[in-house]
Amino acid sequence: PLMFYVIAAIRDVTGVGPFALARF
């Protein structure tokens, strides 16, 4: 689960969308 918690935290804090996160 580690990176899914990281994904959750990044998206929660920054509001970045799924495509932008997966691209950058």
PDB file of all heavy atoms in Angstrom:
ATOM      1  N   PRO A   1       0.762  -1.252   0.000  1.00  0.00           N
ATOM      2  CA  PRO A   1       0.000   0.000   0.000  1.00  0.00           C
ATOM      3  C   PRO A   1       0.791   1.298   0.000  1.00  0.00           C
ATOM      4  O   PRO A   1       0.192   2.371  -0.120  1.00  0.00           O
ATOM      5  CB  PRO A   1      -0.783  -0.113   1.308  1.00  0.00           C
ATOM      6  CG  PRO A   1       0.177  -0.825   2.231  1.00  0.00           C
ATOM      7  CD  PRO A   1       0.932  -1.797   1.358  1.00  0.00           C
ATOM      8  N   LEU A   2       2.098   1.259   0.163  1.00  0.00           N
ATOM      9  CA  LEU A   2       2.837   2.489   0.458  1.00  0.00           C
ATOM     10  C   LEU A   2       2.570   3.589  -0.560  1.00  0.00           C
ATOM     11  O   LEU A   2       2.202   4.717  -0.198  1.00  0.00           O
ATOM     12  CB  LEU A   2       4.335   2.190   0.536  1.00  0.00           C
ATOM     13  CG  LEU A   2       5.248   3.403   0.765  1.00  0.00           C
ATOM     14  CD1 LEU A   2       4.900   4.102   2.072  1.00  0.00           C
ATOM     15  CD2 LEU A   2       6.724   2.982   0.752  1.00  0.00           C
ATOM     16  N   MET A   3       2.753   3.294  -1.837  1.00  0.00           N
ATOM     17  CA  MET A   3       2.649   4.356  -2.832  1.00  0.00           C
ATOM     18  C   MET A   3       1.212   4.823  -3.044  1.00  0.00           C
ATOM     19  O   MET A   3       0.987   5.961  -3.465  1.00  0.00           O
ATOM     20  CB  MET A   3       3.265   3.911  -4.152  1.00  0.00           C
ATOM     21  CG  MET A   3       4.775   3.802  -4.121  1.00  0.00           C
ATOM     22  SD  MET A   3       5.610   5.234  -3.366  1.00  0.00           S
ATOM     23  CE  MET A   3       5.069   6.567  -4.431  1.00  0.00           C
ATOM     24  N   PHE A   4       0.243   3.988  -2.713  1.00  0.00           N
ATOM     25  CA  PHE A   4      -1.143   4.433  -2.836  1.00  0.00           C
ATOM     26  C   PHE A   4      -1.481   5.439  -1.741  1.00  0.00           C
ATOM     27  O   PHE A   4      -2.282   6.353  -1.950  1.00  0.00           O
ATOM     28  CB  PHE A   4      -2.085   3.232  -2.817  1.00  0.00           C
ATOM     29  CG  PHE A   4      -1.706   2.201  -3.839  1.00  0.00           C
ATOM     30  CD1 PHE A   4      -1.439   0.893  -3.466  1.00  0.00           C
ATOM     31  CD2 PHE A   4      -1.551   2.547  -5.170  1.00  0.00           C
ATOM     32  CE1 PHE A   4      -1.057  -0.046  -4.403  1.00  0.00           C
ATOM     33  CE2 PHE A   4      -1.165   1.617  -6.110  1.00  0.00           C
ATOM     34  CZ  PHE A   4      -0.914   0.317  -5.734  1.00  0.00           C
ATOM     35  N   TYR A   5      -0.846   5.281  -0.591  1.00  0.00           N
ATOM     36  CA  TYR A   5      -0.988   6.303   0.451  1.00  0.00           C
ATOM     37  C   TYR A   5      -0.267   7.587   0.035  1.00  0.00           C
ATOM     38  O   TYR A   5      -0.745   8.695   0.311  1.00  0.00           O
ATOM     39  CB  TYR A   5      -0.448   5.782   1.784  1.00  0.00           C
ATOM     40  CG  TYR A   5      -1.480   4.992   2.554  1.00  0.00           C
ATOM     41  CD1 TYR A   5      -1.659   3.636   2.317  1.00  0.00           C
ATOM     42  CD2 TYR A   5      -2.293   5.614   3.493  1.00  0.00           C
ATOM     43  CE1 TYR A   5      -2.619   2.912   3.003  1.00  0.00           C
ATOM     44  CE2 TYR A   5      -3.257   4.907   4.193  1.00  0.00           C
ATOM     45  CZ  TYR A   5      -3.418   3.550   3.939  1.00  0.00           C
ATOM     46  OH  TYR A   5      -4.380   2.845   4.615  1.00  0.00           O
ATOM     47  N   VAL A   6       0.867   7.447  -0.638  1.00  0.00           N
ATOM     48  CA  VAL A   6       1.569   8.628  -1.156  1.00  0.00           C
ATOM     49  C   VAL A   6       0.708   9.327  -2.200  1.00  0.00           C
ATOM     50  O   VAL A   6       0.573  10.567  -2.194  1.00  0.00           O
ATOM     51  CB  VAL A   6       2.937   8.232  -1.741  1.00  0.00           C
ATOM     52  CG1 VAL A   6       3.579   9.418  -2.459  1.00  0.00           C
ATOM     53  CG2 VAL A   6       3.858   7.707  -0.646  1.00  0.00           C
ATOM     54  N   ILE A   7       0.107   8.547  -3.104  1.00  0.00           N
ATOM     55  CA  ILE A   7      -0.787   9.124  -4.115  1.00  0.00           C
ATOM     56  C   ILE A   7      -1.947   9.852  -3.444  1.00  0.00           C
ATOM     57  O   ILE A   7      -2.301  10.979  -3.824  1.00  0.00           O
ATOM     58  CB  ILE A   7      -1.306   8.021  -5.052  1.00  0.00           C
ATOM     59  CG1 ILE A   7      -0.174   7.498  -5.952  1.00  0.00           C
ATOM     60  CG2 ILE A   7      -2.467   8.530  -5.915  1.00  0.00           C
ATOM     61  CD1 ILE A   7      -0.525   6.238  -6.720  1.00  0.00           C
ATOM     62  N   ALA A   8      -2.546   9.218  -2.442  1.00  0.00           N
ATOM     63  CA  ALA A   8      -3.668   9.838  -1.727  1.00  0.00           C
ATOM     64  C   ALA A   8      -3.247  11.162  -1.103  1.00  0.00           C
ATOM     65  O   ALA A   8      -3.967  12.174  -1.220  1.00  0.00           O
ATOM     66  CB  ALA A   8      -4.184   8.882  -0.659  1.00  0.00           C
ATOM     67  N   ALA A   9      -2.088  11.176  -0.459  1.00  0.00           N
ATOM     68  CA  ALA A   9      -1.628  12.387   0.221  1.00  0.00           C
ATOM     69  C   ALA A   9      -1.318  13.497  -0.780  1.00  0.00           C
ATOM     70  O   ALA A   9      -1.701  14.659  -0.579  1.00  0.00           O
ATOM     71  CB  ALA A   9      -0.400  12.071   1.068  1.00  0.00           C
ATOM     72  N   ILE A  10      -0.628  13.153  -1.881  1.00  0.00           N
ATOM     73  CA  ILE A  10      -0.283  14.170  -2.879  1.00  0.00           C
ATOM     74  C   ILE A  10      -1.539  14.785  -3.472  1.00  0.00           C
ATOM     75  O   ILE A  10      -1.668  16.014  -3.584  1.00  0.00           O
ATOM     76  CB  ILE A  10       0.601  13.564  -3.980  1.00  0.00           C
ATOM     77  CG1 ILE A  10       1.985  13.196  -3.436  1.00  0.00           C
ATOM     78  CG2 ILE A  10       0.741  14.538  -5.151  1.00  0.00           C
ATOM     79  CD1 ILE A  10       2.869  12.474  -4.437  1.00  0.00           C
ATOM     80  N   ARG A  11      -2.491  13.939  -3.840  1.00  0.00           N
ATOM     81  CA  ARG A  11      -3.704  14.450  -4.468  1.00  0.00           C
ATOM     82  C   ARG A  11      -4.554  15.220  -3.471  1.00  0.00           C
ATOM     83  O   ARG A  11      -5.208  16.202  -3.823  1.00  0.00           O
ATOM     84  CB  ARG A  11      -4.481  13.305  -5.109  1.00  0.00           C
ATOM     85  CG  ARG A  11      -3.734  12.647  -6.271  1.00  0.00           C
ATOM     86  CD  ARG A  11      -4.638  11.791  -7.109  1.00  0.00           C
ATOM     87  NE  ARG A  11      -5.732  12.565  -7.657  1.00  0.00           N
ATOM     88  CZ  ARG A  11      -6.773  12.036  -8.307  1.00  0.00           C
ATOM     89  NH1 ARG A  11      -6.832  10.739  -8.481  1.00  0.00           N
ATOM     90  NH2 ARG A  11      -7.724  12.795  -8.785  1.00  0.00           N
ATOM     91  N   ASP A  12      -4.561  14.761  -2.227  1.00  0.00           N
ATOM     92  CA  ASP A  12      -5.315  15.450  -1.185  1.00  0.00           C
ATOM     93  C   ASP A  12      -4.773  16.850  -0.928  1.00  0.00           C
ATOM     94  O   ASP A  12      -5.524  17.816  -0.811  1.00  0.00           O
ATOM     95  CB  ASP A  12      -5.243  14.634   0.107  1.00  0.00           C
ATOM     96  CG  ASP A  12      -6.614  14.384   0.709  1.00  0.00           C
ATOM     97  OD1 ASP A  12      -7.613  14.776   0.093  1.00  0.00           O
ATOM     98  OD2 ASP A  12      -6.680  13.795   1.809  1.00  0.00           O
ATOM     99  N   VAL A  13      -3.457  16.951  -0.854  1.00  0.00           N
ATOM    100  CA  VAL A  13      -2.822  18.217  -0.490  1.00  0.00           C
ATOM    101  C   VAL A  13      -2.756  19.180  -1.664  1.00  0.00           C
ATOM    102  O   VAL A  13      -3.010  20.384  -1.517  1.00  0.00           O
ATOM    103  CB  VAL A  13      -1.403  17.951   0.065  1.00  0.00           C
ATOM    104  CG1 VAL A  13      -0.642  19.249   0.248  1.00  0.00           C
ATOM    105  CG2 VAL A  13      -1.479  17.184   1.379  1.00  0.00           C
ATOM    106  N   THR A  14      -2.434  18.670  -2.852  1.00  0.00           N
ATOM    107  CA  THR A  14      -2.193  19.549  -4.003  1.00  0.00           C
ATOM    108  C   THR A  14      -3.398  19.708  -4.915  1.00  0.00           C
ATOM    109  O   THR A  14      -3.470  20.679  -5.673  1.00  0.00           O
ATOM    110  CB  THR A  14      -1.025  19.018  -4.842  1.00  0.00           C
ATOM    111  OG1 THR A  14      -1.398  17.767  -5.448  1.00  0.00           O
ATOM    112  CG2 THR A  14       0.211  18.804  -3.984  1.00  0.00           C
ATOM    113  N   GLY A  15      -4.317  18.738  -4.890  1.00  0.00           N
ATOM    114  CA  GLY A  15      -5.436  18.777  -5.816  1.00  0.00           C
ATOM    115  C   GLY A  15      -5.074  18.401  -7.237  1.00  0.00           C
ATOM    116  O   GLY A  15      -5.876  18.585  -8.156  1.00  0.00           O
ATOM    117  N   VAL A  16      -3.869  17.867  -7.453  1.00  0.00           N
ATOM    118  CA  VAL A  16      -3.440  17.485  -8.795  1.00  0.00           C
ATOM    119  C   VAL A  16      -4.315  16.350  -9.322  1.00  0.00           C
ATOM    120  O   VAL A  16      -4.768  15.488  -8.561  1.00  0.00           O
ATOM    121  CB  VAL A  16      -1.945  17.076  -8.779  1.00  0.00           C
ATOM    122  CG1 VAL A  16      -1.740  15.798  -7.974  1.00  0.00           C
ATOM    123  CG2 VAL A  16      -1.408  16.896 -10.182  1.00  0.00           C
ATOM    124  N   GLY A  17      -4.576  16.350 -10.620  1.00  0.00           N
ATOM    125  CA  GLY A  17      -5.417  15.332 -11.228  1.00  0.00           C
ATOM    126  C   GLY A  17      -4.663  14.049 -11.506  1.00  0.00           C
ATOM    127  O   GLY A  17      -3.426  14.008 -11.460  1.00  0.00           O
ATOM    128  N   PRO A  18      -5.386  12.980 -11.826  1.00  0.00           N
ATOM    129  CA  PRO A  18      -4.738  11.677 -12.029  1.00  0.00           C
ATOM    130  C   PRO A  18      -3.775  11.649 -13.203  1.00  0.00           C
ATOM    131  O   PRO A  18      -2.715  11.021 -13.113  1.00  0.00           O
ATOM    132  CB  PRO A  18      -5.919  10.724 -12.249  1.00  0.00           C
ATOM    133  CG  PRO A  18      -7.067  11.598 -12.674  1.00  0.00           C
ATOM    134  CD  PRO A  18      -6.850  12.889 -11.965  1.00  0.00           C
ATOM    135  N   PHE A  19      -4.120  12.300 -14.300  1.00  0.00           N
ATOM    136  CA  PHE A  19      -3.234  12.272 -15.464  1.00  0.00           C
ATOM    137  C   PHE A  19      -1.949  13.062 -15.209  1.00  0.00           C
ATOM    138  O   PHE A  19      -0.862  12.631 -15.590  1.00  0.00           O
ATOM    139  CB  PHE A  19      -3.955  12.817 -16.706  1.00  0.00           C
ATOM    140  CG  PHE A  19      -5.072  11.950 -17.176  1.00  0.00           C
ATOM    141  CD1 PHE A  19      -6.382  12.404 -17.165  1.00  0.00           C
ATOM    142  CD2 PHE A  19      -4.838  10.660 -17.638  1.00  0.00           C
ATOM    143  CE1 PHE A  19      -7.427  11.604 -17.591  1.00  0.00           C
ATOM    144  CE2 PHE A  19      -5.870   9.848 -18.068  1.00  0.00           C
ATOM    145  CZ  PHE A  19      -7.177  10.328 -18.043  1.00  0.00           C
ATOM    146  N   ALA A  20      -2.085  14.228 -14.582  1.00  0.00           N
ATOM    147  CA  ALA A  20      -0.895  15.044 -14.305  1.00  0.00           C
ATOM    148  C   ALA A  20       0.038  14.309 -13.343  1.00  0.00           C
ATOM    149  O   ALA A  20       1.264  14.294 -13.538  1.00  0.00           O
ATOM    150  CB  ALA A  20      -1.308  16.396 -13.728  1.00  0.00           C
ATOM    151  N   LEU A  21      -0.515  13.687 -12.316  1.00  0.00           N
ATOM    152  CA  LEU A  21       0.317  12.969 -11.359  1.00  0.00           C
ATOM    153  C   LEU A  21       1.051  11.819 -12.042  1.00  0.00           C
ATOM    154  O   LEU A  21       2.256  11.629 -11.848  1.00  0.00           O
ATOM    155  CB  LEU A  21      -0.545  12.430 -10.215  1.00  0.00           C
ATOM    156  CG  LEU A  21       0.205  11.673  -9.116  1.00  0.00           C
ATOM    157  CD1 LEU A  21       1.193  12.592  -8.406  1.00  0.00           C
ATOM    158  CD2 LEU A  21      -0.775  11.060  -8.118  1.00  0.00           C
ATOM    159  N   ALA A  22       0.321  11.056 -12.862  1.00  0.00           N
ATOM    160  CA  ALA A  22       0.933   9.904 -13.532  1.00  0.00           C
ATOM    161  C   ALA A  22       1.924  10.324 -14.606  1.00  0.00           C
ATOM    162  O   ALA A  22       2.820   9.553 -14.962  1.00  0.00           O
ATOM    163  CB  ALA A  22      -0.154   9.032 -14.157  1.00  0.00           C
ATOM    164  N   ARG A  23       1.794  11.540 -15.105  1.00  0.00           N
ATOM    165  CA  ARG A  23       2.710  12.016 -16.148  1.00  0.00           C
ATOM    166  C   ARG A  23       3.991  12.598 -15.555  1.00  0.00           C
ATOM    167  O   ARG A  23       5.084  12.377 -16.086  1.00  0.00           O
ATOM    168  CB  ARG A  23       2.003  13.073 -17.001  1.00  0.00           C
ATOM    169  CG  ARG A  23       2.831  13.634 -18.148  1.00  0.00           C
ATOM    170  CD  ARG A  23       1.967  14.424 -19.106  1.00  0.00           C
ATOM    171  NE  ARG A  23       2.764  15.091 -20.128  1.00  0.00           N
ATOM    172  CZ  ARG A  23       2.901  16.413 -20.228  1.00  0.00           C
ATOM    173  NH1 ARG A  23       2.293  17.217 -19.372  1.00  0.00           N
ATOM    174  NH2 ARG A  23       3.645  16.940 -21.194  1.00  0.00           N
ATOM    175  N   PHE A  24       3.891  13.311 -14.440  1.00  0.00           N
ATOM    176  CA  PHE A  24       5.047  14.045 -13.914  1.00  0.00           C
ATOM    177  C   PHE A  24       5.814  13.304 -12.814  1.00  0.00           C
ATOM    178  O   PHE A  24       7.040  13.387 -12.755  1.00  0.00           O
ATOM    179  CB  PHE A  24       4.603  15.413 -13.383  1.00  0.00           C
ATOM    180  CG  PHE A  24       4.262  16.399 -14.465  1.00  0.00           C
ATOM    181  CD1 PHE A  24       2.941  16.603 -14.843  1.00  0.00           C
ATOM    182  CD2 PHE A  24       5.253  17.106 -15.126  1.00  0.00           C
ATOM    183  CE1 PHE A  24       2.618  17.496 -15.850  1.00  0.00           C
ATOM    184  CE2 PHE A  24       4.942  18.000 -16.136  1.00  0.00           C
ATOM    185  CZ  PHE A  24       3.616  18.194 -16.498  1.00  0.00           C
TER     186      PHE A  24
END
